[in-house]
Protein backbone atom coordinates (compact mmCIF):
# COMPACT_ATOMS: atom_id res chain seq x y z
CA UNK A 1 47.59 158.13 114.68
CA UNK A 2 44.50 156.92 112.37
CA UNK A 3 43.84 158.99 109.42
CA UNK A 4 40.36 158.65 107.55
CA UNK A 5 41.13 157.68 103.72
CA UNK A 6 40.10 161.22 102.58
CA UNK A 7 42.12 163.04 105.01
CA UNK A 8 45.27 165.24 103.80
CA UNK A 9 48.12 166.28 105.87
CA UNK A 10 48.47 170.11 105.69
CA UNK A 11 51.26 172.56 106.81
CA UNK A 12 54.78 173.32 105.44
CA UNK A 13 57.49 170.86 105.26
CA UNK A 14 60.73 171.57 106.95
CA UNK A 15 62.52 171.99 103.47
CA UNK A 16 60.10 174.62 102.55
CA UNK A 17 60.50 176.37 105.77
CA UNK A 18 64.23 176.61 105.38
CA UNK A 19 63.97 177.73 101.64
CA UNK A 20 61.54 180.50 102.52
CA UNK A 21 63.70 181.47 105.61
CA UNK A 22 66.95 181.38 103.40
CA UNK A 23 65.33 183.95 101.04
CA UNK A 24 63.98 185.97 103.64
CA UNK A 25 67.26 185.98 105.36
CA UNK A 26 69.14 187.01 101.91
CA UNK A 27 66.49 189.45 101.40
CA UNK A 28 67.25 191.26 104.93
CA UNK A 29 70.91 190.98 104.47
CA UNK A 30 70.95 192.91 101.07
CA UNK A 31 68.54 195.38 102.55
CA UNK A 32 70.82 195.88 105.41
CA UNK A 33 73.63 196.73 102.98
CA UNK A 34 71.63 198.68 100.56
CA UNK A 35 69.35 200.92 102.99
CA UNK A 36 72.36 203.13 104.45
CA UNK A 37 73.57 203.96 100.71
CA UNK A 38 69.94 205.14 100.10
CA UNK A 39 69.52 207.05 103.22
CA UNK A 40 72.82 208.80 102.48
CA UNK A 41 71.34 209.77 98.99
CA UNK A 42 68.48 211.14 100.56
CA UNK A 43 70.55 213.57 102.82
CA UNK A 44 72.55 214.49 99.85
CA UNK A 45 69.09 215.47 97.98
CA UNK A 46 68.05 217.35 101.00
CA UNK A 47 71.50 219.34 101.32
CA UNK A 48 71.30 220.17 97.54
CA UNK A 49 67.61 221.44 97.90
CA UNK A 50 68.60 223.36 101.01
CA UNK A 51 71.76 225.04 99.22
CA UNK A 52 69.76 225.84 96.13
CA UNK A 53 66.96 227.91 97.92
CA UNK A 54 69.41 229.57 100.20
CA UNK A 55 70.24 232.67 98.14
CA UNK A 56 73.81 232.23 98.35
CA UNK A 57 75.57 234.82 96.08
CA UNK A 58 78.16 232.96 94.36
CA UNK A 59 79.63 229.23 93.80
CA UNK A 60 82.08 229.28 96.56
CA UNK A 61 79.49 230.13 99.23
CA UNK A 62 76.97 227.46 97.60
CA UNK A 63 79.91 224.69 97.95
CA UNK A 64 80.51 225.88 101.65
CA UNK A 65 76.79 225.30 102.41
CA UNK A 66 76.76 221.92 100.67
CA UNK A 67 80.05 221.08 102.57
CA UNK A 68 78.49 221.68 105.72
CA UNK A 69 74.97 219.84 104.92
CA UNK A 70 77.18 216.80 104.19
CA UNK A 71 78.83 217.13 107.44
CA UNK A 72 75.43 217.43 109.37
CA UNK A 73 74.01 214.68 107.06
CA UNK A 74 77.09 212.07 107.55
CA UNK A 75 77.64 211.90 103.73
CA UNK A 76 80.84 210.27 103.13
CA UNK A 77 80.71 209.02 99.61
CA UNK A 78 80.48 212.12 97.77
CA UNK A 79 82.01 215.64 98.49
CA UNK A 80 80.97 219.23 97.91
CA UNK A 81 83.90 219.42 95.01
CA UNK A 82 81.96 216.80 93.25
CA UNK A 83 78.69 218.97 92.92
CA UNK A 84 78.55 220.68 89.46
CA UNK A 85 77.42 224.32 90.25
CA UNK A 86 75.75 225.66 87.01
CA UNK A 87 74.86 229.08 87.05
CA UNK A 88 73.96 229.74 83.59
CA UNK A 89 70.55 231.48 83.85
CA UNK A 90 69.12 229.05 81.34
CA UNK A 91 69.93 226.17 83.45
CA UNK A 92 71.02 227.28 86.84
CA UNK A 93 71.16 224.20 88.87
CA UNK A 94 73.16 222.09 91.47
CA UNK A 95 73.83 218.62 89.89
CA UNK A 96 75.63 215.51 91.24
CA UNK A 97 76.06 211.91 89.99
CA UNK A 98 78.20 209.25 91.69
CA UNK A 99 78.23 205.80 92.49
CA UNK A 100 78.32 204.12 95.76
CA UNK A 101 79.30 200.79 96.54
CA UNK A 102 78.26 198.54 99.17
CA UNK A 103 80.52 195.56 100.27
CA UNK A 104 78.14 192.08 100.02
CA UNK A 105 79.88 188.69 100.28
CA UNK A 106 83.72 188.18 100.20
CA UNK A 107 85.11 190.53 97.15
CA UNK A 108 81.49 190.72 95.38
CA UNK A 109 79.88 194.29 95.85
CA UNK A 110 76.67 195.96 95.22
CA UNK A 111 77.10 199.31 93.04
CA UNK A 112 74.47 201.69 92.97
CA UNK A 113 74.40 204.85 90.61
CA UNK A 114 72.76 207.95 92.12
CA UNK A 115 72.20 211.38 90.44
CA UNK A 116 70.86 214.35 92.32
CA UNK A 117 69.51 217.83 91.12
CA UNK A 118 68.26 220.84 92.42
CA UNK A 119 67.45 223.94 90.42
CA UNK A 120 68.91 227.11 91.88
CA UNK A 121 66.41 229.83 92.71
CA UNK A 122 66.87 233.17 90.98
CA UNK A 123 67.94 234.71 94.27
CA UNK A 124 71.03 232.10 94.41
CA UNK A 125 72.27 232.88 90.92
CA UNK A 126 74.99 235.50 90.27
């Protein structure tokens, strides 16, 4: 192939393509480890919101509803016993803080700190 003097070759080199593919694979692998934890957190938030507006008369029935919601939502990182039920009228809320660990590579893991809170409706406070 004969090239004219002002012609430049365009395109991606093999090394550049390998670097981009490696970075993309790294991002996809990490997302595959983190996304299930985030989906579980969204289930925790939805369960707390549903229990907070249910109008349950006391903390025990709130915890029972939360336990059922966690079972339906396939939540394994946190339990209903970990949820703080604050029934003080000034700050009536359901509150949970937890850390979720995702194994990553070998003995290295990713730790994500989650906090969920749902204010209790007036009907749900004793």
